[in-house]
Amino acid sequence: MPAGHFVYVPAILLFGLVVGWILGSRAAADAYASELRRREERAARKKTAEQA
């Protein structure tokens, strides 16, 4: 095994960690935003149902 593997393999692992972190944080933010929208829609439906 060449000596370059001792640099290449950890670099690729670190790159994967960074990309995963970025994609995961975006997915979490999107899920949080959709949950807030869902809650607002439910509250709006409940409010209109109470008024009727």
N, C-alpha and C. Protein backbone atom coordinates (compact mmCIF):
# COMPACT_ATOMS: atom_id res chain seq x y z
N MET A 1 0.86 -1.18 0.00
CA MET A 1 0.00 0.00 0.00
C MET A 1 0.91 1.25 0.00
N PRO A 2 0.68 2.15 -0.94
CA PRO A 2 1.51 3.36 -1.00
C PRO A 2 1.26 4.28 0.19
N ALA A 3 2.23 5.13 0.46
CA ALA A 3 2.13 6.06 1.58
C ALA A 3 1.03 7.09 1.37
N GLY A 4 0.65 7.34 0.13
CA GLY A 4 -0.41 8.31 -0.16
C GLY A 4 -1.75 7.93 0.44
N HIS A 5 -1.94 6.63 0.68
CA HIS A 5 -3.21 6.20 1.28
C HIS A 5 -3.41 6.77 2.68
N PHE A 6 -2.31 7.03 3.38
CA PHE A 6 -2.42 7.56 4.73
C PHE A 6 -2.90 9.01 4.74
N VAL A 7 -2.84 9.66 3.60
CA VAL A 7 -3.37 11.02 3.46
C VAL A 7 -4.71 10.98 2.74
N TYR A 8 -4.78 10.18 1.68
CA TYR A 8 -5.96 10.15 0.82
C TYR A 8 -7.21 9.63 1.56
N VAL A 9 -7.08 8.52 2.24
CA VAL A 9 -8.24 7.90 2.90
C VAL A 9 -8.83 8.81 3.98
N PRO A 10 -8.05 9.36 4.90
CA PRO A 10 -8.64 10.28 5.88
C PRO A 10 -9.22 11.54 5.24
N ALA A 11 -8.58 12.01 4.15
CA ALA A 11 -9.11 13.21 3.47
C ALA A 11 -10.49 12.92 2.88
N ILE A 12 -10.65 11.76 2.27
CA ILE A 12 -11.93 11.39 1.68
C ILE A 12 -12.98 11.19 2.78
N LEU A 13 -12.59 10.59 3.88
CA LEU A 13 -13.52 10.41 5.01
C LEU A 13 -13.96 11.77 5.56
N LEU A 14 -13.02 12.70 5.69
CA LEU A 14 -13.33 14.03 6.18
C LEU A 14 -14.26 14.76 5.20
N PHE A 15 -13.98 14.62 3.92
CA PHE A 15 -14.83 15.22 2.90
C PHE A 15 -16.26 14.67 2.99
N GLY A 16 -16.39 13.37 3.15
CA GLY A 16 -17.71 12.75 3.30
C GLY A 16 -18.43 13.24 4.54
N LEU A 17 -17.70 13.42 5.61
CA LEU A 17 -18.29 13.94 6.85
C LEU A 17 -18.83 15.36 6.64
N VAL A 18 -18.05 16.20 5.98
CA VAL A 18 -18.46 17.59 5.75
C VAL A 18 -19.69 17.64 4.84
N VAL A 19 -19.67 16.88 3.76
CA VAL A 19 -20.81 16.87 2.84
C VAL A 19 -22.05 16.33 3.54
N GLY A 20 -21.90 15.28 4.32
CA GLY A 20 -23.02 14.72 5.07
C GLY A 20 -23.58 15.71 6.09
N TRP A 21 -22.70 16.44 6.73
CA TRP A 21 -23.12 17.44 7.71
C TRP A 21 -23.95 18.53 7.03
N ILE A 22 -23.47 19.00 5.88
CA ILE A 22 -24.18 20.07 5.16
C ILE A 22 -25.54 19.58 4.67
N LEU A 23 -25.57 18.41 4.03
CA LEU A 23 -26.84 17.89 3.52
C LEU A 23 -27.80 17.56 4.66
N GLY A 24 -27.28 17.04 5.75
CA GLY A 24 -28.13 16.72 6.90
C GLY A 24 -28.72 17.96 7.54
N SER A 25 -27.94 19.02 7.64
CA SER A 25 -28.46 20.25 8.25
C SER A 25 -29.52 20.88 7.36
N ARG A 26 -29.34 20.79 6.05
CA ARG A 26 -30.37 21.31 5.14
C ARG A 26 -31.65 20.51 5.26
N ALA A 27 -31.53 19.19 5.33
CA ALA A 27 -32.71 18.34 5.45
C ALA A 27 -33.44 18.61 6.77
N ALA A 28 -32.69 18.80 7.84
CA ALA A 28 -33.30 19.08 9.13
C ALA A 28 -34.02 20.43 9.11
N ALA A 29 -33.42 21.42 8.48
CA ALA A 29 -34.06 22.74 8.40
C ALA A 29 -35.34 22.66 7.57
N ASP A 30 -35.31 21.90 6.48
CA ASP A 30 -36.51 21.74 5.65
C ASP A 30 -37.61 21.01 6.41
N ALA A 31 -37.24 19.99 7.16
CA ALA A 31 -38.23 19.25 7.94
C ALA A 31 -38.85 20.14 9.02
N TYR A 32 -38.03 20.96 9.65
CA TYR A 32 -38.53 21.87 10.68
C TYR A 32 -39.49 22.89 10.07
N ALA A 33 -39.13 23.44 8.92
CA ALA A 33 -39.99 24.42 8.26
C ALA A 33 -41.31 23.80 7.83
N SER A 34 -41.28 22.59 7.32
CA SER A 34 -42.53 21.95 6.90
C SER A 34 -43.42 21.64 8.10
N GLU A 35 -42.80 21.28 9.22
CA GLU A 35 -43.59 21.03 10.44
C GLU A 35 -44.24 22.31 10.93
N LEU A 36 -43.53 23.43 10.87
CA LEU A 36 -44.13 24.71 11.27
C LEU A 36 -45.30 25.08 10.36
N ARG A 37 -45.13 24.87 9.05
CA ARG A 37 -46.23 25.15 8.12
C ARG A 37 -47.44 24.27 8.42
N ARG A 38 -47.18 23.00 8.71
CA ARG A 38 -48.27 22.07 9.03
C ARG A 38 -49.02 22.52 10.28
N ARG A 39 -48.27 22.95 11.28
CA ARG A 39 -48.92 23.41 12.52
C ARG A 39 -49.75 24.67 12.28
N GLU A 40 -49.22 25.59 11.46
CA GLU A 40 -49.97 26.81 11.16
C GLU A 40 -51.25 26.49 10.38
N GLU A 41 -51.16 25.55 9.43
CA GLU A 41 -52.35 25.17 8.67
C GLU A 41 -53.40 24.52 9.57
N ARG A 42 -52.95 23.67 10.49
CA ARG A 42 -53.90 23.04 11.42
C ARG A 42 -54.58 24.08 12.31
N ALA A 43 -53.79 25.05 12.79
CA ALA A 43 -54.34 26.10 13.64
C ALA A 43 -55.35 26.94 12.85
N ALA A 44 -55.03 27.22 11.59
CA ALA A 44 -55.94 28.01 10.77
C ALA A 44 -57.23 27.24 10.51
N ARG A 45 -57.12 25.94 10.22
CA ARG A 45 -58.32 25.13 10.01
C ARG A 45 -59.16 25.03 11.27
N LYS A 46 -58.50 24.88 12.40
CA LYS A 46 -59.22 24.79 13.67
C LYS A 46 -59.94 26.10 13.97
N LYS A 47 -59.28 27.22 13.67
CA LYS A 47 -59.88 28.53 13.92
C LYS A 47 -61.11 28.74 13.04
N THR A 48 -61.03 28.37 11.76
CA THR A 48 -62.18 28.54 10.86
C THR A 48 -63.32 27.58 11.23
N ALA A 49 -62.97 26.39 11.75
CA ALA A 49 -63.99 25.45 12.16
C ALA A 49 -64.72 25.95 13.41
N GLU A 50 -64.00 26.62 14.30
CA GLU A 50 -64.62 27.14 15.52
C GLU A 50 -65.54 28.33 15.19
N GLN A 51 -65.17 29.11 14.18
CA GLN A 51 -65.98 30.27 13.81
C GLN A 51 -67.27 29.84 13.11
N ALA A 52 -67.25 28.73 12.42
CA ALA A 52 -68.42 28.30 11.66
C ALA A 52 -69.49 27.69 12.54
